[in-house]
Amino acid sequence: MRSPAHRTLFLLTACSLAAGAALAPAPASAQGGYPSKPIQLVLPFPPGGATDVVGRTIARKLGERLGQTVVVENRPGAGTIVAASYVAKSAPDGYTLMATSGTTFTVNPAVYAKLPYDPQKNFEPIGMIGSTGLILLANRDVPVNNLKEFVAAVKADPGKYSYGSFGAGTTAHFAGEELLNLTGTKLLHVPYKGSAPAMTDLMGGQIPFSVDTVAAAIPQLKSGKIKAIAVTTAKRSSLLPNVPTVAESGYPGMDTSTWIALVAPRGLPAEVRTRLEKALADTIADPATRSQLAENGIEPFYAPGKQVAAMIDKEIPQMRAIAQRAHIKLD
């Protein structure tokens, strides 16, 4: 049997332990949950390009809204496959995200027989960031100023002309082949390793035409070094309001652009997905962010993850049909 002194000491010790437990730091979940540490944002493109600038802009603003630093990591290579594979295998806890283009989800499945990731099953779309149209461009010395003249010139001299893109199996390549199919023309496709070398050769006259993003074209168009023929989207680009669409130029049915979305590995907890969707929606609604995206050739618009998933489902068979018709296949 304990003495009164022992009982008093036991009670004091128990009270001290209880008080200490009450003052100890609560687990992260009790302190507001996600996020409790920095978040990694993977970009599948090298530093310096328009998509890289967009990703860094979004990372900074997302960090402000989530109360944590969002650290950008560039993982370029193999048409976004390197980055996509890494993210697909990452833990679905909200601490690894990816901002990437439609290439990852709709183009790669159309041109590769086998991918190390499943574009529809391995990712959880958070939401849309924005899009940029694609555009048919011409060297300034080529005697073509609109799509009608382009078609006439190509048909009048078969085999004379070629067009460049920023890579085989890219959205620019797909848009070029779809345009040729619509207009009943044939040009040799010259793939480049990126937009910069293709633009350099277009300005230098090594290639007469190219298909590129509106984002990449704007600086050169403003300087008068190249000419705009037509945009491939259903509506005119707000960034180039004076450039007609392919449909307006007499060939209806074309609506091709490249878009950028934020995704995570499949299996996010519902509360984490909701938090990320809200943070992204608020980021895209921010006037300063929208202005910065527009300055880099991106037309900002937010759409929730469900709409991104639906867009992916819709575009995959469309891209596969174009790839089959144009014999676009990569190993």
C-alpha atoms as a PDB file:
ATOM      1  CA  MET A   1       0.000   0.000   0.000  1.00  0.00           C
ATOM      2  CA  ARG A   2       1.388   3.402  -1.035  1.00  0.00           C
ATOM      3  CA  SER A   3       2.080   5.980   1.674  1.00  0.00           C
ATOM      4  CA  PRO A   4       0.420   9.429   1.445  1.00  0.00           C
ATOM      5  CA  ALA A   5       3.771  10.800   0.252  1.00  0.00           C
ATOM      6  CA  HIS A   6       3.972   8.235  -2.541  1.00  0.00           C
ATOM      7  CA  ARG A   7       0.364   8.942  -3.599  1.00  0.00           C
ATOM      8  CA  THR A   8       1.077  12.694  -3.665  1.00  0.00           C
ATOM      9  CA  LEU A   9       4.202  12.170  -5.812  1.00  0.00           C
ATOM     10  CA  PHE A  10       2.294   9.884  -8.222  1.00  0.00           C
ATOM     11  CA  LEU A  11      -0.495  12.454  -8.668  1.00  0.00           C
ATOM     12  CA  LEU A  12       1.971  15.287  -9.235  1.00  0.00           C
ATOM     13  CA  THR A  13       3.856  13.229 -11.826  1.00  0.00           C
ATOM     14  CA  ALA A  14       0.646  12.298 -13.658  1.00  0.00           C
ATOM     15  CA  CYS A  15      -0.503  15.910 -13.708  1.00  0.00           C
ATOM     16  CA  SER A  16       2.883  17.008 -15.035  1.00  0.00           C
ATOM     17  CA  LEU A  17       2.789  14.445 -17.817  1.00  0.00           C
ATOM     18  CA  ALA A  18      -0.744  15.442 -18.786  1.00  0.00           C
ATOM     19  CA  ALA A  19       0.195  19.119 -18.852  1.00  0.00           C
ATOM     20  CA  GLY A  20       3.293  18.332 -20.943  1.00  0.00           C
ATOM     21  CA  ALA A  21       1.232  16.367 -23.428  1.00  0.00           C
ATOM     22  CA  ALA A  22      -1.195  19.251 -23.757  1.00  0.00           C
ATOM     23  CA  LEU A  23       1.646  21.676 -24.501  1.00  0.00           C
ATOM     24  CA  ALA A  24       3.511  19.378 -26.941  1.00  0.00           C
ATOM     25  CA  PRO A  25       3.268  20.169 -30.678  1.00  0.00           C
ATOM     26  CA  ALA A  26       0.219  18.566 -32.236  1.00  0.00           C
ATOM     27  CA  PRO A  27       0.666  16.303 -35.249  1.00  0.00           C
ATOM     28  CA  ALA A  28       0.513  17.991 -38.657  1.00  0.00           C
ATOM     29  CA  SER A  29      -3.022  16.770 -39.314  1.00  0.00           C
ATOM     30  CA  ALA A  30      -4.219  18.483 -36.165  1.00  0.00           C
ATOM     31  CA  GLN A  31      -2.500  21.730 -37.112  1.00  0.00           C
ATOM     32  CA  GLY A  32      -4.398  22.219 -40.327  1.00  0.00           C
ATOM     33  CA  GLY A  33      -3.155  19.209 -42.293  1.00  0.00           C
ATOM     34  CA  TYR A  34      -1.897  19.525 -45.850  1.00  0.00           C
ATOM     35  CA  PRO A  35       0.509  20.980 -46.690  1.00  0.00           C
ATOM     36  CA  SER A  36       2.968  20.670 -43.808  1.00  0.00           C
ATOM     37  CA  LYS A  37       6.166  20.779 -45.900  1.00  0.00           C
ATOM     38  CA  PRO A  38       7.411  22.150 -49.258  1.00  0.00           C
ATOM     39  CA  ILE A  39       5.753  20.869 -52.447  1.00  0.00           C
ATOM     40  CA  GLN A  40       7.645  19.755 -55.548  1.00  0.00           C
ATOM     41  CA  LEU A  41       6.376  20.979 -58.929  1.00  0.00           C
ATOM     42  CA  VAL A  42       7.871  18.972 -61.786  1.00  0.00           C
ATOM     43  CA  LEU A  43       8.178  20.602 -65.217  1.00  0.00           C
ATOM     44  CA  PRO A  44       8.916  18.291 -68.183  1.00  0.00           C
ATOM     45  CA  PHE A  45      10.679  21.050 -70.132  1.00  0.00           C
ATOM     46  CA  PRO A  46      14.096  22.702 -69.842  1.00  0.00           C
ATOM     47  CA  PRO A  47      14.465  26.079 -68.079  1.00  0.00           C
ATOM     48  CA  GLY A  48      13.876  29.262 -70.029  1.00  0.00           C
ATOM     49  CA  GLY A  49      10.977  28.342 -72.303  1.00  0.00           C
ATOM     50  CA  ALA A  50       7.449  29.694 -72.122  1.00  0.00           C
ATOM     51  CA  THR A  51       6.136  26.627 -70.285  1.00  0.00           C
ATOM     52  CA  ASP A  52       8.943  26.894 -67.749  1.00  0.00           C
ATOM     53  CA  VAL A  53       8.058  30.541 -67.090  1.00  0.00           C
ATOM     54  CA  VAL A  54       4.386  29.587 -66.735  1.00  0.00           C
ATOM     55  CA  GLY A  55       5.250  26.786 -64.308  1.00  0.00           C
ATOM     56  CA  ARG A  56       7.365  29.065 -62.149  1.00  0.00           C
ATOM     57  CA  THR A  57       4.647  31.723 -62.113  1.00  0.00           C
ATOM     58  CA  ILE A  58       2.079  29.178 -60.984  1.00  0.00           C
ATOM     59  CA  ALA A  59       4.473  27.691 -58.417  1.00  0.00           C
ATOM     60  CA  ARG A  60       5.044  31.044 -56.760  1.00  0.00           C
ATOM     61  CA  LYS A  61       1.348  31.891 -56.544  1.00  0.00           C
ATOM     62  CA  LEU A  62       0.297  28.397 -55.442  1.00  0.00           C
ATOM     63  CA  GLY A  63       2.862  28.601 -52.669  1.00  0.00           C
ATOM     64  CA  GLU A  64       1.360  31.849 -51.422  1.00  0.00           C
ATOM     65  CA  ARG A  65      -2.118  30.335 -51.265  1.00  0.00           C
ATOM     66  CA  LEU A  66      -1.056  27.028 -49.730  1.00  0.00           C
ATOM     67  CA  GLY A  67       1.285  28.584 -47.185  1.00  0.00           C
ATOM     68  CA  GLN A  68       4.243  26.451 -48.290  1.00  0.00           C
ATOM     69  CA  THR A  69       7.094  26.834 -50.738  1.00  0.00           C
ATOM     70  CA  VAL A  70       6.488  25.165 -54.103  1.00  0.00           C
ATOM     71  CA  VAL A  71       9.874  24.092 -55.438  1.00  0.00           C
ATOM     72  CA  VAL A  72      10.250  23.785 -59.216  1.00  0.00           C
ATOM     73  CA  GLU A  73      12.222  20.860 -60.635  1.00  0.00           C
ATOM     74  CA  ASN A  74      12.869  20.620 -64.380  1.00  0.00           C
ATOM     75  CA  ARG A  75      12.943  17.038 -65.684  1.00  0.00           C
ATOM     76  CA  PRO A  76      13.064  17.399 -69.482  1.00  0.00           C
ATOM     77  CA  GLY A  77      13.424  14.555 -71.934  1.00  0.00           C
ATOM     78  CA  ALA A  78      11.664  12.187 -74.355  1.00  0.00           C
ATOM     79  CA  GLY A  79       8.689  14.424 -75.087  1.00  0.00           C
ATOM     80  CA  THR A  80       7.693  14.808 -71.393  1.00  0.00           C
ATOM     81  CA  ILE A  81       7.968  11.042 -70.770  1.00  0.00           C
ATOM     82  CA  VAL A  82      10.857  11.366 -68.286  1.00  0.00           C
ATOM     83  CA  ALA A  83       8.925  13.721 -66.017  1.00  0.00           C
ATOM     84  CA  ALA A  84       5.594  11.952 -66.434  1.00  0.00           C
ATOM     85  CA  SER A  85       7.085   8.582 -65.476  1.00  0.00           C
ATOM     86  CA  TYR A  86       8.633  10.076 -62.350  1.00  0.00           C
ATOM     87  CA  VAL A  87       5.411  11.734 -61.221  1.00  0.00           C
ATOM     88  CA  ALA A  88       3.279   8.681 -62.018  1.00  0.00           C
ATOM     89  CA  LYS A  89       5.406   6.606 -59.620  1.00  0.00           C
ATOM     90  CA  SER A  90       5.474   9.228 -56.846  1.00  0.00           C
ATOM     91  CA  ALA A  91       3.423   9.020 -53.663  1.00  0.00           C
ATOM     92  CA  PRO A  92      -0.130  10.393 -54.101  1.00  0.00           C
ATOM     93  CA  ASP A  93       0.156  12.687 -51.091  1.00  0.00           C
ATOM     94  CA  GLY A  94       0.005  16.097 -52.783  1.00  0.00           C
ATOM     95  CA  TYR A  95       3.711  16.822 -52.378  1.00  0.00           C
ATOM     96  CA  THR A  96       4.607  15.958 -55.980  1.00  0.00           C
ATOM     97  CA  LEU A  97       2.779  17.832 -58.743  1.00  0.00           C
ATOM     98  CA  MET A  98       3.385  18.326 -62.468  1.00  0.00           C
ATOM     99  CA  ALA A  99       2.491  21.162 -64.822  1.00  0.00           C
ATOM    100  CA  THR A 100       2.558  19.796 -68.343  1.00  0.00           C
ATOM    101  CA  SER A 101       1.008  20.086 -71.782  1.00  0.00           C
ATOM    102  CA  GLY A 102      -1.451  17.895 -73.642  1.00  0.00           C
ATOM    103  CA  THR A 103       1.534  16.129 -75.209  1.00  0.00           C
ATOM    104  CA  THR A 104       1.844  13.991 -72.065  1.00  0.00           C
ATOM    105  CA  PHE A 105      -1.744  12.771 -72.146  1.00  0.00           C
ATOM    106  CA  THR A 106      -2.988  12.793 -75.733  1.00  0.00           C
ATOM    107  CA  VAL A 107      -0.062  12.972 -78.168  1.00  0.00           C
ATOM    108  CA  ASN A 108       2.333  10.460 -76.608  1.00  0.00           C
ATOM    109  CA  PRO A 109      -0.305   7.678 -76.474  1.00  0.00           C
ATOM    110  CA  ALA A 110      -0.928   8.263 -80.180  1.00  0.00           C
ATOM    111  CA  VAL A 111       2.681   8.009 -81.329  1.00  0.00           C
ATOM    112  CA  TYR A 112       4.270   5.520 -78.918  1.00  0.00           C
ATOM    113  CA  ALA A 113       3.295   1.855 -78.960  1.00  0.00           C
ATOM    114  CA  LYS A 114       4.220   1.574 -75.293  1.00  0.00           C
ATOM    115  CA  LEU A 115       4.590   4.162 -72.523  1.00  0.00           C
ATOM    116  CA  PRO A 116       5.984   3.758 -68.980  1.00  0.00           C
ATOM    117  CA  TYR A 117       2.829   5.441 -67.657  1.00  0.00           C
ATOM    118  CA  ASP A 118      -0.908   5.382 -68.334  1.00  0.00           C
ATOM    119  CA  PRO A 119      -2.155   8.893 -69.174  1.00  0.00           C
ATOM    120  CA  GLN A 120      -5.696   8.116 -67.995  1.00  0.00           C
ATOM    121  CA  LYS A 121      -5.021   5.930 -64.946  1.00  0.00           C
ATOM    122  CA  ASN A 122      -1.806   7.205 -63.364  1.00  0.00           C
ATOM    123  CA  PHE A 123      -2.676  10.877 -62.879  1.00  0.00           C
ATOM    124  CA  GLU A 124      -5.168  12.965 -60.945  1.00  0.00           C
ATOM    125  CA  PRO A 125      -5.907  16.187 -62.866  1.00  0.00           C
ATOM    126  CA  ILE A 126      -6.103  19.196 -60.539  1.00  0.00           C
ATOM    127  CA  GLY A 127      -7.161  21.734 -63.134  1.00  0.00           C
ATOM    128  CA  MET A 128      -6.406  23.660 -66.299  1.00  0.00           C
ATOM    129  CA  ILE A 129      -3.892  26.513 -66.300  1.00  0.00           C
ATOM    130  CA  GLY A 130      -4.379  27.798 -69.829  1.00  0.00           C
ATOM    131  CA  SER A 131      -3.649  27.196 -73.490  1.00  0.00           C
ATOM    132  CA  THR A 132      -1.799  28.608 -76.442  1.00  0.00           C
ATOM    133  CA  GLY A 133      -2.872  28.241 -80.033  1.00  0.00           C
ATOM    134  CA  LEU A 134      -0.744  26.904 -82.834  1.00  0.00           C
ATOM    135  CA  ILE A 135      -0.027  28.964 -85.903  1.00  0.00           C
ATOM    136  CA  LEU A 136       1.156  28.508 -89.486  1.00  0.00           C
ATOM    137  CA  LEU A 137       4.088  30.864 -90.071  1.00  0.00           C
ATOM    138  CA  ALA A 138       6.043  31.895 -93.150  1.00  0.00           C
ATOM    139  CA  ASN A 139       9.446  33.379 -93.840  1.00  0.00           C
ATOM    140  CA  ARG A 140       8.925  37.066 -94.605  1.00  0.00           C
ATOM    141  CA  ASP A 141      10.323  36.709 -98.145  1.00  0.00           C
ATOM    142  CA  VAL A 142       7.995  33.874 -99.181  1.00  0.00           C
ATOM    143  CA  PRO A 143       5.263  35.296-101.491  1.00  0.00           C
ATOM    144  CA  VAL A 144       2.455  33.928 -99.341  1.00  0.00           C
ATOM    145  CA  ASN A 145       0.366  36.111 -97.014  1.00  0.00           C
ATOM    146  CA  ASN A 146      -2.743  34.044 -96.292  1.00  0.00           C
ATOM    147  CA  LEU A 147      -3.935  30.450 -96.354  1.00  0.00           C
ATOM    148  CA  LYS A 148      -5.460  30.726 -99.826  1.00  0.00           C
ATOM    149  CA  GLU A 149      -2.102  31.846-101.249  1.00  0.00           C
ATOM    150  CA  PHE A 150      -0.336  29.118 -99.247  1.00  0.00           C
ATOM    151  CA  VAL A 151      -2.509  26.390-100.792  1.00  0.00           C
ATOM    152  CA  ALA A 152      -2.114  27.838-104.286  1.00  0.00           C
ATOM    153  CA  ALA A 153       1.680  28.074-103.994  1.00  0.00           C
ATOM    154  CA  VAL A 154       2.104  24.540-102.652  1.00  0.00           C
ATOM    155  CA  LYS A 155      -0.185  22.977-105.251  1.00  0.00           C
ATOM    156  CA  ALA A 156       1.447  24.925-108.084  1.00  0.00           C
ATOM    157  CA  ASP A 157       4.894  23.602-107.266  1.00  0.00           C
ATOM    158  CA  PRO A 158       4.699  20.150-105.625  1.00  0.00           C
ATOM    159  CA  GLY A 159       7.846  19.139-103.786  1.00  0.00           C
ATOM    160  CA  LYS A 160       9.246  22.662-103.534  1.00  0.00           C
ATOM    161  CA  TYR A 161       8.092  23.556-100.048  1.00  0.00           C
ATOM    162  CA  SER A 162       8.607  22.151 -96.563  1.00  0.00           C
ATOM    163  CA  TYR A 163       7.492  23.063 -93.092  1.00  0.00           C
ATOM    164  CA  GLY A 164       9.247  22.814 -89.751  1.00  0.00           C
ATOM    165  CA  SER A 165       7.961  21.969 -86.277  1.00  0.00           C
ATOM    166  CA  PHE A 166       9.503  21.792 -82.823  1.00  0.00           C
ATOM    167  CA  GLY A 167       9.733  18.023 -83.022  1.00  0.00           C
ATOM    168  CA  ALA A 168       8.413  14.800 -84.521  1.00  0.00           C
ATOM    169  CA  GLY A 169       5.248  13.671 -82.788  1.00  0.00           C
ATOM    170  CA  THR A 170       4.641  17.048 -81.126  1.00  0.00           C
ATOM    171  CA  THR A 171       1.439  19.075 -81.155  1.00  0.00           C
ATOM    172  CA  ALA A 172       2.977  21.279 -83.873  1.00  0.00           C
ATOM    173  CA  HIS A 173       3.633  18.214 -86.053  1.00  0.00           C
ATOM    174  CA  PHE A 174       0.058  17.010 -85.514  1.00  0.00           C
ATOM    175  CA  ALA A 175      -1.372  20.440 -86.318  1.00  0.00           C
ATOM    176  CA  GLY A 176       0.728  20.641 -89.474  1.00  0.00           C
ATOM    177  CA  GLU A 177      -0.449  17.266 -90.730  1.00  0.00           C
ATOM    178  CA  GLU A 178      -4.070  18.040 -89.922  1.00  0.00           C
ATOM    179  CA  LEU A 179      -3.760  21.313 -91.843  1.00  0.00           C
ATOM    180  CA  LEU A 180      -2.278  19.538 -94.869  1.00  0.00           C
ATOM    181  CA  ASN A 181      -5.089  16.993 -94.770  1.00  0.00           C
ATOM    182  CA  LEU A 182      -7.748  19.725 -94.657  1.00  0.00           C
ATOM    183  CA  THR A 183      -6.208  21.714 -97.507  1.00  0.00           C
ATOM    184  CA  GLY A 184      -5.288  18.707 -99.660  1.00  0.00           C
ATOM    185  CA  THR A 185      -1.631  19.723 -99.806  1.00  0.00           C
ATOM    186  CA  LYS A 186       1.651  17.902 -99.267  1.00  0.00           C
ATOM    187  CA  LEU A 187       4.803  19.326 -97.708  1.00  0.00           C
ATOM    188  CA  LEU A 188       7.940  17.699 -96.373  1.00  0.00           C
ATOM    189  CA  HIS A 189       7.977  17.797 -92.571  1.00  0.00           C
ATOM    190  CA  VAL A 190      11.273  18.958 -91.022  1.00  0.00           C
ATOM    191  CA  PRO A 191      11.375  18.170 -87.297  1.00  0.00           C
ATOM    192  CA  TYR A 192      13.610  20.222 -84.999  1.00  0.00           C
ATOM    193  CA  LYS A 193      14.697  19.673 -81.428  1.00  0.00           C
ATOM    194  CA  GLY A 194      12.692  22.518 -80.008  1.00  0.00           C
ATOM    195  CA  SER A 195      11.046  25.743 -81.069  1.00  0.00           C
ATOM    196  CA  ALA A 196      14.175  27.912 -80.976  1.00  0.00           C
ATOM    197  CA  PRO A 197      16.138  26.145 -83.758  1.00  0.00           C
ATOM    198  CA  ALA A 198      13.008  25.868 -85.918  1.00  0.00           C
ATOM    199  CA  MET A 199      12.353  29.587 -85.518  1.00  0.00           C
ATOM    200  CA  THR A 200      15.978  30.417 -86.327  1.00  0.00           C
ATOM    201  CA  ASP A 201      15.803  28.475 -89.604  1.00  0.00           C
ATOM    202  CA  LEU A 202      12.429  29.984 -90.493  1.00  0.00           C
ATOM    203  CA  MET A 203      13.787  33.502 -90.053  1.00  0.00           C
ATOM    204  CA  GLY A 204      16.933  32.580 -91.952  1.00  0.00           C
ATOM    205  CA  GLY A 205      15.044  31.105 -94.895  1.00  0.00           C
ATOM    206  CA  GLN A 206      16.276  27.523 -94.476  1.00  0.00           C
ATOM    207  CA  ILE A 207      12.599  26.518 -94.263  1.00  0.00           C
ATOM    208  CA  PRO A 208       9.773  28.541 -95.865  1.00  0.00           C
ATOM    209  CA  PHE A 209       7.043  27.607 -93.373  1.00  0.00           C
ATOM    210  CA  SER A 210       6.656  26.308 -89.848  1.00  0.00           C
ATOM    211  CA  VAL A 211       3.972  25.445 -87.319  1.00  0.00           C
ATOM    212  CA  ASP A 212       4.679  26.745 -83.830  1.00  0.00           C
ATOM    213  CA  THR A 213       2.901  27.991 -80.749  1.00  0.00           C
ATOM    214  CA  VAL A 214       1.462  31.476 -80.619  1.00  0.00           C
ATOM    215  CA  ALA A 215       3.617  31.999 -77.526  1.00  0.00           C
ATOM    216  CA  ALA A 216       6.826  31.350 -79.471  1.00  0.00           C
ATOM    217  CA  ALA A 217       5.709  33.338 -82.509  1.00  0.00           C
ATOM    218  CA  ILE A 218       4.650  36.609 -80.895  1.00  0.00           C
ATOM    219  CA  PRO A 219       8.124  38.141 -80.332  1.00  0.00           C
ATOM    220  CA  GLN A 220       9.249  37.401 -83.911  1.00  0.00           C
ATOM    221  CA  LEU A 221       5.957  38.587 -85.405  1.00  0.00           C
ATOM    222  CA  LYS A 222       6.234  41.873 -83.530  1.00  0.00           C
ATOM    223  CA  SER A 223       9.730  42.393 -84.925  1.00  0.00           C
ATOM    224  CA  GLY A 224       8.546  41.658 -88.478  1.00  0.00           C
ATOM    225  CA  LYS A 225      10.999  38.795 -88.965  1.00  0.00           C
ATOM    226  CA  ILE A 226       8.271  36.294 -89.930  1.00  0.00           C
ATOM    227  CA  LYS A 227       4.661  36.338 -91.190  1.00  0.00           C
ATOM    228  CA  ALA A 228       1.505  34.871 -89.668  1.00  0.00           C
ATOM    229  CA  ILE A 229      -0.710  32.897 -92.063  1.00  0.00           C
ATOM    230  CA  ALA A 230      -3.459  31.382 -89.876  1.00  0.00           C
ATOM    231  CA  VAL A 231      -4.080  30.074 -86.367  1.00  0.00           C
ATOM    232  CA  THR A 232      -5.296  26.513 -85.893  1.00  0.00           C
ATOM    233  CA  THR A 233      -7.832  27.194 -83.131  1.00  0.00           C
ATOM    234  CA  ALA A 234     -11.595  27.522 -83.593  1.00  0.00           C
ATOM    235  CA  LYS A 235     -11.478  31.176 -82.539  1.00  0.00           C
ATOM    236  CA  ARG A 236      -8.882  33.852 -83.118  1.00  0.00           C
ATOM    237  CA  SER A 237      -6.219  34.199 -80.462  1.00  0.00           C
ATOM    238  CA  SER A 238      -6.769  37.164 -78.166  1.00  0.00           C
ATOM    239  CA  LEU A 239      -2.998  37.623 -78.344  1.00  0.00           C
ATOM    240  CA  LEU A 240      -3.074  37.882 -82.176  1.00  0.00           C
ATOM    241  CA  PRO A 241      -6.565  39.248 -82.926  1.00  0.00           C
ATOM    242  CA  ASN A 242      -5.700  40.228 -86.501  1.00  0.00           C
ATOM    243  CA  VAL A 243      -4.640  36.737 -87.577  1.00  0.00           C
ATOM    244  CA  PRO A 244      -7.512  34.679 -89.083  1.00  0.00           C
ATOM    245  CA  THR A 245      -8.266  31.084 -88.179  1.00  0.00           C
ATOM    246  CA  VAL A 246      -7.921  28.190 -90.606  1.00  0.00           C
ATOM    247  CA  ALA A 247     -11.727  27.926 -90.595  1.00  0.00           C
ATOM    248  CA  GLU A 248     -12.138  31.606 -91.454  1.00  0.00           C
ATOM    249  CA  SER A 249      -9.692  31.078 -94.296  1.00  0.00           C
ATOM    250  CA  GLY A 250     -11.994  28.578 -95.965  1.00  0.00           C
ATOM    251  CA  TYR A 251     -11.189  25.256 -94.263  1.00  0.00           C
ATOM    252  CA  PRO A 252     -13.637  24.622 -91.388  1.00  0.00           C
ATOM    253  CA  GLY A 253     -13.267  21.930 -88.780  1.00  0.00           C
ATOM    254  CA  MET A 254      -9.825  22.642 -87.347  1.00  0.00           C
ATOM    255  CA  ASP A 255      -9.417  23.361 -83.639  1.00  0.00           C
ATOM    256  CA  THR A 256      -5.944  22.467 -82.442  1.00  0.00           C
ATOM    257  CA  SER A 257      -4.093  24.027 -79.542  1.00  0.00           C
ATOM    258  CA  THR A 258      -1.656  23.034 -76.851  1.00  0.00           C
ATOM    259  CA  TRP A 259      -2.850  23.323 -73.271  1.00  0.00           C
ATOM    260  CA  ILE A 260      -1.185  23.170 -69.869  1.00  0.00           C
ATOM    261  CA  ALA A 261      -2.705  21.488 -66.816  1.00  0.00           C
ATOM    262  CA  LEU A 262      -1.699  20.766 -63.236  1.00  0.00           C
ATOM    263  CA  VAL A 263      -1.795  17.095 -62.224  1.00  0.00           C
ATOM    264  CA  ALA A 264      -0.768  14.824 -59.351  1.00  0.00           C
ATOM    265  CA  PRO A 265      -0.242  11.070 -59.011  1.00  0.00           C
ATOM    266  CA  ARG A 266      -3.540   9.134 -58.946  1.00  0.00           C
ATOM    267  CA  GLY A 267      -4.951   8.478 -55.475  1.00  0.00           C
ATOM    268  CA  LEU A 268      -4.898  11.884 -53.758  1.00  0.00           C
ATOM    269  CA  PRO A 269      -6.896  12.143 -50.544  1.00  0.00           C
ATOM    270  CA  ALA A 270     -10.110  14.041 -51.261  1.00  0.00           C
ATOM    271  CA  GLU A 271      -9.270  16.898 -48.885  1.00  0.00           C
ATOM    272  CA  VAL A 272      -5.864  17.381 -50.519  1.00  0.00           C
ATOM    273  CA  ARG A 273      -7.359  17.442 -54.024  1.00  0.00           C
ATOM    274  CA  THR A 274      -9.977  19.969 -52.912  1.00  0.00           C
ATOM    275  CA  ARG A 275      -7.319  22.201 -51.354  1.00  0.00           C
ATOM    276  CA  LEU A 276      -5.196  22.098 -54.512  1.00  0.00           C
ATOM    277  CA  GLU A 277      -8.135  22.777 -56.839  1.00  0.00           C
ATOM    278  CA  LYS A 278      -9.154  25.809 -54.768  1.00  0.00           C
ATOM    279  CA  ALA A 279      -5.579  27.141 -54.695  1.00  0.00           C
ATOM    280  CA  LEU A 280      -5.209  26.724 -58.468  1.00  0.00           C
ATOM    281  CA  ALA A 281      -8.586  28.328 -59.221  1.00  0.00           C
ATOM    282  CA  ASP A 282      -7.686  31.328 -57.052  1.00  0.00           C
ATOM    283  CA  THR A 283      -4.273  31.555 -58.713  1.00  0.00           C
ATOM    284  CA  ILE A 284      -5.704  31.624 -62.235  1.00  0.00           C
ATOM    285  CA  ALA A 285      -8.293  34.215 -61.167  1.00  0.00           C
ATOM    286  CA  ASP A 286      -5.574  36.553 -59.875  1.00  0.00           C
ATOM    287  CA  PRO A 287      -5.216  39.547 -62.290  1.00  0.00           C
ATOM    288  CA  ALA A 288      -1.438  39.796 -61.898  1.00  0.00           C
ATOM    289  CA  THR A 289      -1.026  36.096 -62.644  1.00  0.00           C
ATOM    290  CA  ARG A 290      -3.290  36.296 -65.678  1.00  0.00           C
ATOM    291  CA  SER A 291      -1.299  39.251 -66.992  1.00  0.00           C
ATOM    292  CA  GLN A 292       2.000  37.424 -66.551  1.00  0.00           C
ATOM    293  CA  LEU A 293       0.671  34.320 -68.300  1.00  0.00           C
ATOM    294  CA  ALA A 294      -0.604  36.418 -71.205  1.00  0.00           C
ATOM    295  CA  GLU A 295       2.773  38.139 -71.517  1.00  0.00           C
ATOM    296  CA  ASN A 296       4.253  34.685 -72.110  1.00  0.00           C
ATOM    297  CA  GLY A 297       1.718  33.756 -74.775  1.00  0.00           C
ATOM    298  CA  ILE A 298      -0.629  31.719 -72.592  1.00  0.00           C
ATOM    299  CA  GLU A 299      -4.352  32.429 -72.538  1.00  0.00           C
ATOM    300  CA  PRO A 300      -5.233  31.644 -68.919  1.00  0.00           C
ATOM    301  CA  PHE A 301      -8.397  29.750 -68.064  1.00  0.00           C
ATOM    302  CA  TYR A 302      -9.265  27.506 -65.168  1.00  0.00           C
ATOM    303  CA  ALA A 303     -11.252  24.295 -65.504  1.00  0.00           C
ATOM    304  CA  PRO A 304     -11.588  21.716 -62.695  1.00  0.00           C
ATOM    305  CA  GLY A 305      -9.877  18.361 -62.781  1.00  0.00           C
ATOM    306  CA  LYS A 306     -12.975  16.496 -64.010  1.00  0.00           C
ATOM    307  CA  GLN A 307     -13.087  18.643 -67.147  1.00  0.00           C
ATOM    308  CA  VAL A 308      -9.387  18.055 -67.810  1.00  0.00           C
ATOM    309  CA  ALA A 309      -9.945  14.297 -67.523  1.00  0.00           C
ATOM    310  CA  ALA A 310     -12.876  14.517 -69.946  1.00  0.00           C
ATOM    311  CA  MET A 311     -10.741  16.494 -72.409  1.00  0.00           C
ATOM    312  CA  ILE A 312      -8.014  13.845 -72.266  1.00  0.00           C
ATOM    313  CA  ASP A 313     -10.558  11.079 -72.930  1.00  0.00           C
ATOM    314  CA  LYS A 314     -11.924  13.020 -75.909  1.00  0.00           C
ATOM    315  CA  GLU A 315      -8.580  13.952 -77.475  1.00  0.00           C
ATOM    316  CA  ILE A 316      -6.756  10.607 -77.319  1.00  0.00           C
ATOM    317  CA  PRO A 317      -8.794   8.946 -80.126  1.00  0.00           C
ATOM    318  CA  GLN A 318      -8.622  12.158 -82.175  1.00  0.00           C
ATOM    319  CA  MET A 319      -4.841  12.230 -81.949  1.00  0.00           C
ATOM    320  CA  ARG A 320      -4.587   8.530 -82.746  1.00  0.00           C
ATOM    321  CA  ALA A 321      -6.647   9.076 -85.891  1.00  0.00           C
ATOM    322  CA  ILE A 322      -4.331  11.881 -87.046  1.00  0.00           C
ATOM    323  CA  ALA A 323      -1.235   9.815 -86.261  1.00  0.00           C
ATOM    324  CA  GLN A 324      -2.553   6.849 -88.221  1.00  0.00           C
ATOM    325  CA  ARG A 325      -3.520   8.960 -91.224  1.00  0.00           C
ATOM    326  CA  ALA A 326      -0.189  10.824 -91.299  1.00  0.00           C
ATOM    327  CA  HIS A 327       1.889   7.733 -90.382  1.00  0.00           C
ATOM    328  CA  ILE A 328       3.324   9.438 -87.288  1.00  0.00           C
ATOM    329  CA  LYS A 329       4.989   6.815 -85.114  1.00  0.00           C
ATOM    330  CA  LEU A 330       7.896   7.035 -82.687  1.00  0.00           C
ATOM    331  CA  ASP A 331       9.968   4.281 -81.094  1.00  0.00           C
END
